[in-house]
Amino acid sequence: MAIYDTHVILSAAISIDGKIATRTRTLNLSSHEDCIRLHKLRTKVDGILVGKNTVIKDNPLLTVRHAQGQNPVRIILDSRGEISAESKILQTSNKVPTIIAVSEQITSSHLKKLAKFPVEVIITGKKSVNIKSLLRRLSEKNIKTILVEGGGTTNWEFIRQGLFDELVITVSPFLIGGDDSVSLVQGGGFAKITKSPNLRLKSIKRLKNHLVLNYLKV
């Protein structure tokens, strides 16, 4: 387990060269069959987590739509509470349980903005969200299985701190390239291969031209 009794799954669709979005934020890497697979996975977890950049740039709903099942709790990492009041996350927070995790750096004005919506605000960490503390508090709320859907900076923080148990990656038949496109893992990166987490391949599933790779951290 990554921490306490929480099970964290990192999930993403990537191009063959490891990109999750083009430089213009085009995200259509998954096939219809893979969308169904992902949304079925969403029904099996307690929470779905993304970083604020994903909300600001992509404006996702983070709900179950291509399968039958209950929506998981949405968890947004947003140290300063900067997501827009017009975002789909906040605008639908009366229908889908939503947690905004912020740090002590959040301003009073942003706290007041969030207070206008039926979201739960968790304050943890001084300058940025303390992910370890957040996972503990989520576990106490019986949110024990969490699907992390990025983006690259959020993925890096979970990987850097060793706070994940499983990796589910869909490899899509595209080549994107570009220094400004978004990679599966951003951040500073490891200086040595030996610093990388040890992963064991659990399964490979073919969905027409897409491959779904499931790794476990050992």
C-alpha atoms as a PDB file:
ATOM      1  CA  MET A   1       0.000   0.000   0.000  1.00  0.00           C
ATOM      2  CA  ALA A   2       1.167   3.518  -0.739  1.00  0.00           C
ATOM      3  CA  ILE A   3       0.163   4.944   2.624  1.00  0.00           C
ATOM      4  CA  TYR A   4      -2.066   3.662   5.422  1.00  0.00           C
ATOM      5  CA  ASP A   5      -4.746   1.478   3.808  1.00  0.00           C
ATOM      6  CA  THR A   6      -5.165   3.658   0.719  1.00  0.00           C
ATOM      7  CA  HIS A   7      -4.727   2.101  -2.728  1.00  0.00           C
ATOM      8  CA  VAL A   8      -3.629   4.610  -5.374  1.00  0.00           C
ATOM      9  CA  ILE A   9      -3.886   3.891  -9.101  1.00  0.00           C
ATOM     10  CA  LEU A  10      -2.165   6.173 -11.611  1.00  0.00           C
ATOM     11  CA  SER A  11      -4.094   6.168 -14.887  1.00  0.00           C
ATOM     12  CA  ALA A  12      -3.481   7.802 -18.263  1.00  0.00           C
ATOM     13  CA  ALA A  13      -3.659   7.395 -22.019  1.00  0.00           C
ATOM     14  CA  ILE A  14      -0.358   8.143 -23.722  1.00  0.00           C
ATOM     15  CA  SER A  15       1.047   8.315 -27.227  1.00  0.00           C
ATOM     16  CA  ILE A  16       3.772   5.852 -28.241  1.00  0.00           C
ATOM     17  CA  ASP A  17       6.328   8.540 -27.324  1.00  0.00           C
ATOM     18  CA  GLY A  18       4.875   9.053 -23.848  1.00  0.00           C
ATOM     19  CA  LYS A  19       2.788  12.204 -24.313  1.00  0.00           C
ATOM     20  CA  ILE A  20      -0.614  12.734 -22.693  1.00  0.00           C
ATOM     21  CA  ALA A  21      -1.455  15.917 -24.646  1.00  0.00           C
ATOM     22  CA  THR A  22      -0.201  17.912 -27.611  1.00  0.00           C
ATOM     23  CA  ARG A  23       1.251  21.407 -27.237  1.00  0.00           C
ATOM     24  CA  THR A  24      -2.266  22.772 -27.934  1.00  0.00           C
ATOM     25  CA  ARG A  25      -3.751  20.487 -25.249  1.00  0.00           C
ATOM     26  CA  THR A  26      -5.417  18.064 -27.651  1.00  0.00           C
ATOM     27  CA  LEU A  27      -6.304  15.062 -25.495  1.00  0.00           C
ATOM     28  CA  ASN A  28      -8.120  12.622 -27.794  1.00  0.00           C
ATOM     29  CA  LEU A  29      -5.791   9.659 -27.276  1.00  0.00           C
ATOM     30  CA  SER A  30      -8.286   7.079 -26.026  1.00  0.00           C
ATOM     31  CA  SER A  31     -10.511   5.007 -28.279  1.00  0.00           C
ATOM     32  CA  HIS A  32     -14.214   4.476 -27.583  1.00  0.00           C
ATOM     33  CA  GLU A  33     -13.430   1.033 -26.199  1.00  0.00           C
ATOM     34  CA  ASP A  34     -10.792   2.475 -23.897  1.00  0.00           C
ATOM     35  CA  CYS A  35     -13.183   5.177 -22.652  1.00  0.00           C
ATOM     36  CA  ILE A  36     -15.618   2.435 -21.663  1.00  0.00           C
ATOM     37  CA  ARG A  37     -12.804   0.590 -19.857  1.00  0.00           C
ATOM     38  CA  LEU A  38     -11.754   3.739 -18.014  1.00  0.00           C
ATOM     39  CA  HIS A  39     -15.269   4.638 -16.943  1.00  0.00           C
ATOM     40  CA  LYS A  40     -15.832   1.103 -15.675  1.00  0.00           C
ATOM     41  CA  LEU A  41     -12.671   1.550 -13.630  1.00  0.00           C
ATOM     42  CA  ARG A  42     -14.018   4.834 -12.272  1.00  0.00           C
ATOM     43  CA  THR A  43     -17.059   2.976 -10.907  1.00  0.00           C
ATOM     44  CA  LYS A  44     -14.765   0.718  -8.868  1.00  0.00           C
ATOM     45  CA  VAL A  45     -12.866   3.440  -6.992  1.00  0.00           C
ATOM     46  CA  ASP A  46     -13.854   5.701  -4.104  1.00  0.00           C
ATOM     47  CA  GLY A  47     -12.217   8.850  -5.450  1.00  0.00           C
ATOM     48  CA  ILE A  48     -10.810  10.346  -8.635  1.00  0.00           C
ATOM     49  CA  LEU A  49      -8.003  12.887  -8.300  1.00  0.00           C
ATOM     50  CA  VAL A  50      -6.479  15.477 -10.644  1.00  0.00           C
ATOM     51  CA  GLY A  51      -4.349  18.583 -10.277  1.00  0.00           C
ATOM     52  CA  LYS A  52      -5.583  22.128 -10.767  1.00  0.00           C
ATOM     53  CA  ASN A  53      -3.841  22.490 -14.146  1.00  0.00           C
ATOM     54  CA  THR A  54      -6.007  19.701 -15.535  1.00  0.00           C
ATOM     55  CA  VAL A  55      -9.123  21.509 -14.323  1.00  0.00           C
ATOM     56  CA  ILE A  56      -7.987  24.917 -15.574  1.00  0.00           C
ATOM     57  CA  LYS A  57      -6.787  23.758 -18.997  1.00  0.00           C
ATOM     58  CA  ASP A  58      -9.117  20.841 -19.764  1.00  0.00           C
ATOM     59  CA  ASN A  59     -12.244  21.637 -17.695  1.00  0.00           C
ATOM     60  CA  PRO A  60     -13.212  17.969 -17.153  1.00  0.00           C
ATOM     61  CA  LEU A  61     -16.337  16.598 -15.464  1.00  0.00           C
ATOM     62  CA  LEU A  62     -14.587  13.556 -13.930  1.00  0.00           C
ATOM     63  CA  THR A  63     -17.834  11.595 -13.820  1.00  0.00           C
ATOM     64  CA  VAL A  64     -18.983   8.154 -14.977  1.00  0.00           C
ATOM     65  CA  ARG A  65     -20.648   8.468 -18.373  1.00  0.00           C
ATOM     66  CA  HIS A  66     -19.651   5.502 -20.561  1.00  0.00           C
ATOM     67  CA  ALA A  67     -20.598   2.852 -18.021  1.00  0.00           C
ATOM     68  CA  GLN A  68     -23.196   2.223 -15.359  1.00  0.00           C
ATOM     69  CA  GLY A  69     -22.179   2.925 -11.800  1.00  0.00           C
ATOM     70  CA  GLN A  70     -21.799   5.547  -9.121  1.00  0.00           C
ATOM     71  CA  ASN A  71     -19.621   8.617  -9.514  1.00  0.00           C
ATOM     72  CA  PRO A  72     -16.532   8.564  -7.291  1.00  0.00           C
ATOM     73  CA  VAL A  73     -15.748  11.550  -5.089  1.00  0.00           C
ATOM     74  CA  ARG A  74     -13.821  14.145  -7.110  1.00  0.00           C
ATOM     75  CA  ILE A  75     -10.621  15.401  -5.471  1.00  0.00           C
ATOM     76  CA  ILE A  76      -8.801  18.432  -6.855  1.00  0.00           C
ATOM     77  CA  LEU A  77      -5.269  19.429  -5.806  1.00  0.00           C
ATOM     78  CA  ASP A  78      -5.326  23.232  -5.876  1.00  0.00           C
ATOM     79  CA  SER A  79      -2.857  24.752  -3.420  1.00  0.00           C
ATOM     80  CA  ARG A  80      -4.113  28.330  -3.869  1.00  0.00           C
ATOM     81  CA  GLY A  81      -7.726  27.592  -4.757  1.00  0.00           C
ATOM     82  CA  GLU A  82      -7.326  29.048  -8.239  1.00  0.00           C
ATOM     83  CA  ILE A  83      -9.835  26.997 -10.225  1.00  0.00           C
ATOM     84  CA  SER A  84     -12.582  29.052 -11.826  1.00  0.00           C
ATOM     85  CA  ALA A  85     -16.048  29.368 -10.355  1.00  0.00           C
ATOM     86  CA  GLU A  86     -17.244  28.618 -13.897  1.00  0.00           C
ATOM     87  CA  SER A  87     -15.427  25.277 -14.066  1.00  0.00           C
ATOM     88  CA  LYS A  88     -17.520  22.170 -14.603  1.00  0.00           C
ATOM     89  CA  ILE A  89     -16.156  20.793 -11.335  1.00  0.00           C
ATOM     90  CA  LEU A  90     -17.592  23.604  -9.237  1.00  0.00           C
ATOM     91  CA  GLN A  91     -20.701  24.074 -11.356  1.00  0.00           C
ATOM     92  CA  THR A  92     -21.696  20.418 -10.851  1.00  0.00           C
ATOM     93  CA  SER A  93     -20.573  20.118  -7.229  1.00  0.00           C
ATOM     94  CA  ASN A  94     -24.204  20.047  -6.109  1.00  0.00           C
ATOM     95  CA  LYS A  95     -24.592  16.763  -7.996  1.00  0.00           C
ATOM     96  CA  VAL A  96     -21.225  15.051  -7.496  1.00  0.00           C
ATOM     97  CA  PRO A  97     -19.350  14.967  -4.146  1.00  0.00           C
ATOM     98  CA  THR A  98     -16.267  17.154  -4.530  1.00  0.00           C
ATOM     99  CA  ILE A  99     -13.224  17.829  -2.351  1.00  0.00           C
ATOM    100  CA  ILE A 100     -10.837  20.709  -3.027  1.00  0.00           C
ATOM    101  CA  ALA A 101      -7.460  20.155  -1.357  1.00  0.00           C
ATOM    102  CA  VAL A 102      -5.615  23.423  -0.728  1.00  0.00           C
ATOM    103  CA  SER A 103      -2.577  24.610   1.210  1.00  0.00           C
ATOM    104  CA  GLU A 104      -2.162  27.346   3.789  1.00  0.00           C
ATOM    105  CA  GLN A 105      -1.212  29.633   0.884  1.00  0.00           C
ATOM    106  CA  ILE A 106      -4.837  29.975  -0.218  1.00  0.00           C
ATOM    107  CA  THR A 107      -6.120  33.550  -0.065  1.00  0.00           C
ATOM    108  CA  SER A 108      -9.246  34.581   1.801  1.00  0.00           C
ATOM    109  CA  SER A 109     -10.875  35.618  -1.465  1.00  0.00           C
ATOM    110  CA  HIS A 110     -10.359  32.173  -2.955  1.00  0.00           C
ATOM    111  CA  LEU A 111     -11.668  30.555   0.221  1.00  0.00           C
ATOM    112  CA  LYS A 112     -14.786  32.715  -0.037  1.00  0.00           C
ATOM    113  CA  LYS A 113     -15.201  31.677  -3.684  1.00  0.00           C
ATOM    114  CA  LEU A 114     -15.078  28.000  -2.764  1.00  0.00           C
ATOM    115  CA  ALA A 115     -17.436  28.567   0.171  1.00  0.00           C
ATOM    116  CA  LYS A 116     -20.169  29.497  -2.314  1.00  0.00           C
ATOM    117  CA  PHE A 117     -20.236  25.905  -3.554  1.00  0.00           C
ATOM    118  CA  PRO A 118     -21.184  22.671  -1.760  1.00  0.00           C
ATOM    119  CA  VAL A 119     -17.600  21.390  -1.791  1.00  0.00           C
ATOM    120  CA  GLU A 120     -15.450  20.210   1.082  1.00  0.00           C
ATOM    121  CA  VAL A 121     -12.209  22.155   1.441  1.00  0.00           C
ATOM    122  CA  ILE A 122      -9.285  20.322   3.038  1.00  0.00           C
ATOM    123  CA  ILE A 123      -6.359  22.529   4.051  1.00  0.00           C
ATOM    124  CA  THR A 124      -3.092  20.624   4.334  1.00  0.00           C
ATOM    125  CA  GLY A 125       0.507  21.703   3.726  1.00  0.00           C
ATOM    126  CA  LYS A 126       2.155  25.095   4.018  1.00  0.00           C
ATOM    127  CA  LYS A 127       3.058  26.084   0.440  1.00  0.00           C
ATOM    128  CA  SER A 128       1.618  23.147  -1.490  1.00  0.00           C
ATOM    129  CA  VAL A 129      -0.814  20.358  -0.731  1.00  0.00           C
ATOM    130  CA  ASN A 130       0.731  17.728   1.534  1.00  0.00           C
ATOM    131  CA  ILE A 131      -0.277  14.611  -0.393  1.00  0.00           C
ATOM    132  CA  LYS A 132       0.636  12.164   2.382  1.00  0.00           C
ATOM    133  CA  SER A 133      -1.529  14.052   4.853  1.00  0.00           C
ATOM    134  CA  LEU A 134      -4.312  14.307   2.292  1.00  0.00           C
ATOM    135  CA  LEU A 135      -4.307  10.540   1.667  1.00  0.00           C
ATOM    136  CA  ARG A 136      -4.538   9.935   5.413  1.00  0.00           C
ATOM    137  CA  ARG A 137      -7.507  12.277   5.738  1.00  0.00           C
ATOM    138  CA  LEU A 138      -9.213  10.756   2.731  1.00  0.00           C
ATOM    139  CA  SER A 139      -8.748   7.298   4.234  1.00  0.00           C
ATOM    140  CA  GLU A 140     -10.435   8.522   7.400  1.00  0.00           C
ATOM    141  CA  LYS A 141     -13.402   9.494   5.208  1.00  0.00           C
ATOM    142  CA  ASN A 142     -13.462   5.922   3.848  1.00  0.00           C
ATOM    143  CA  ILE A 143     -12.004   7.067   0.503  1.00  0.00           C
ATOM    144  CA  LYS A 144      -9.532   4.217   0.270  1.00  0.00           C
ATOM    145  CA  THR A 145      -9.176   3.564  -3.468  1.00  0.00           C
ATOM    146  CA  ILE A 146      -8.118   6.591  -5.516  1.00  0.00           C
ATOM    147  CA  LEU A 147      -7.721   6.899  -9.260  1.00  0.00           C
ATOM    148  CA  VAL A 148      -5.178   9.601 -10.156  1.00  0.00           C
ATOM    149  CA  GLU A 149      -5.739  10.955 -13.671  1.00  0.00           C
ATOM    150  CA  GLY A 150      -2.949  13.526 -13.754  1.00  0.00           C
ATOM    151  CA  GLY A 151      -1.708  15.611 -15.298  1.00  0.00           C
ATOM    152  CA  GLY A 152       2.022  15.267 -15.644  1.00  0.00           C
ATOM    153  CA  THR A 153       2.971  17.393 -12.626  1.00  0.00           C
ATOM    154  CA  THR A 154       0.537  15.593 -10.337  1.00  0.00           C
ATOM    155  CA  ASN A 155       1.758  12.221 -11.622  1.00  0.00           C
ATOM    156  CA  TRP A 156       5.336  13.245 -10.820  1.00  0.00           C
ATOM    157  CA  GLU A 157       4.493  14.144  -7.225  1.00  0.00           C
ATOM    158  CA  PHE A 158       2.846  10.790  -6.561  1.00  0.00           C
ATOM    159  CA  ILE A 159       5.725   8.947  -8.239  1.00  0.00           C
ATOM    160  CA  ARG A 160       8.459  11.051  -6.592  1.00  0.00           C
ATOM    161  CA  GLN A 161       7.002  10.402  -3.151  1.00  0.00           C
ATOM    162  CA  GLY A 162       6.259   6.740  -3.843  1.00  0.00           C
ATOM    163  CA  LEU A 163       2.569   7.298  -3.143  1.00  0.00           C
ATOM    164  CA  PHE A 164       1.057   4.892  -5.634  1.00  0.00           C
ATOM    165  CA  ASP A 165       0.419   1.173  -5.844  1.00  0.00           C
ATOM    166  CA  GLU A 166      -0.637   0.568  -9.413  1.00  0.00           C
ATOM    167  CA  LEU A 167      -0.181   2.044 -12.887  1.00  0.00           C
ATOM    168  CA  VAL A 168      -2.713   1.608 -15.705  1.00  0.00           C
ATOM    169  CA  ILE A 169      -1.494   3.045 -19.003  1.00  0.00           C
ATOM    170  CA  THR A 170      -3.196   2.942 -22.379  1.00  0.00           C
ATOM    171  CA  VAL A 171      -0.660   3.184 -25.201  1.00  0.00           C
ATOM    172  CA  SER A 172      -2.341   4.835 -28.196  1.00  0.00           C
ATOM    173  CA  PRO A 173      -1.131   4.547 -31.826  1.00  0.00           C
ATOM    174  CA  PHE A 174       0.035   8.150 -32.151  1.00  0.00           C
ATOM    175  CA  LEU A 175       3.360   9.998 -32.260  1.00  0.00           C
ATOM    176  CA  ILE A 176       3.185  13.545 -30.936  1.00  0.00           C
ATOM    177  CA  GLY A 177       6.669  14.853 -30.179  1.00  0.00           C
ATOM    178  CA  GLY A 178       7.408  18.449 -29.233  1.00  0.00           C
ATOM    179  CA  ASP A 179       9.174  20.076 -26.307  1.00  0.00           C
ATOM    180  CA  ASP A 180       5.953  21.845 -25.290  1.00  0.00           C
ATOM    181  CA  SER A 181       3.662  18.824 -25.389  1.00  0.00           C
ATOM    182  CA  VAL A 182       2.741  17.251 -22.046  1.00  0.00           C
ATOM    183  CA  SER A 183       4.464  14.060 -20.928  1.00  0.00           C
ATOM    184  CA  LEU A 184       2.990  11.372 -18.698  1.00  0.00           C
ATOM    185  CA  VAL A 185       5.416  12.487 -15.989  1.00  0.00           C
ATOM    186  CA  GLN A 186       6.632  16.078 -15.818  1.00  0.00           C
ATOM    187  CA  GLY A 187       8.466  17.670 -12.901  1.00  0.00           C
ATOM    188  CA  GLY A 188      12.158  17.444 -12.179  1.00  0.00           C
ATOM    189  CA  GLY A 189      12.522  13.752 -12.944  1.00  0.00           C
ATOM    190  CA  PHE A 190      14.923  11.261 -11.419  1.00  0.00           C
ATOM    191  CA  ALA A 191      18.643  11.761 -11.995  1.00  0.00           C
ATOM    192  CA  LYS A 192      19.330   7.997 -12.040  1.00  0.00           C
ATOM    193  CA  ILE A 193      17.369   4.989 -13.291  1.00  0.00           C
ATOM    194  CA  THR A 194      17.972   3.369  -9.895  1.00  0.00           C
ATOM    195  CA  LYS A 195      15.703   6.011  -8.339  1.00  0.00           C
ATOM    196  CA  SER A 196      12.757   4.847 -10.455  1.00  0.00           C
ATOM    197  CA  PRO A 197      10.089   2.789  -8.661  1.00  0.00           C
ATOM    198  CA  ASN A 198      10.264  -0.945  -9.326  1.00  0.00           C
ATOM    199  CA  LEU A 199       7.290  -2.039 -11.400  1.00  0.00           C
ATOM    200  CA  ARG A 200       5.984  -5.504 -12.214  1.00  0.00           C
ATOM    201  CA  LEU A 201       3.871  -6.057 -15.308  1.00  0.00           C
ATOM    202  CA  LYS A 202       0.543  -7.504 -14.175  1.00  0.00           C
ATOM    203  CA  SER A 203      -1.342  -7.669 -17.461  1.00  0.00           C
ATOM    204  CA  ILE A 204      -1.509  -6.562 -21.086  1.00  0.00           C
ATOM    205  CA  LYS A 205      -4.830  -6.080 -22.843  1.00  0.00           C
ATOM    206  CA  ARG A 206      -5.293  -5.248 -26.502  1.00  0.00           C
ATOM    207  CA  LEU A 207      -8.176  -2.977 -27.502  1.00  0.00           C
ATOM    208  CA  LYS A 208      -7.871  -2.990 -31.294  1.00  0.00           C
ATOM    209  CA  ASN A 209      -4.960  -0.581 -31.954  1.00  0.00           C
ATOM    210  CA  HIS A 210      -4.534   0.355 -28.274  1.00  0.00           C
ATOM    211  CA  LEU A 211      -2.646  -1.520 -25.557  1.00  0.00           C
ATOM    212  CA  VAL A 212      -3.600  -1.325 -21.875  1.00  0.00           C
ATOM    213  CA  LEU A 213      -0.608  -1.992 -19.616  1.00  0.00           C
ATOM    214  CA  ASN A 214      -1.192  -2.681 -15.931  1.00  0.00           C
ATOM    215  CA  TYR A 215       1.845  -2.454 -13.618  1.00  0.00           C
ATOM    216  CA  LEU A 216       2.118  -3.003  -9.878  1.00  0.00           C
ATOM    217  CA  LYS A 217       4.682  -1.211  -7.735  1.00  0.00           C
ATOM    218  CA  VAL A 218       6.875  -3.694  -5.876  1.00  0.00           C
END
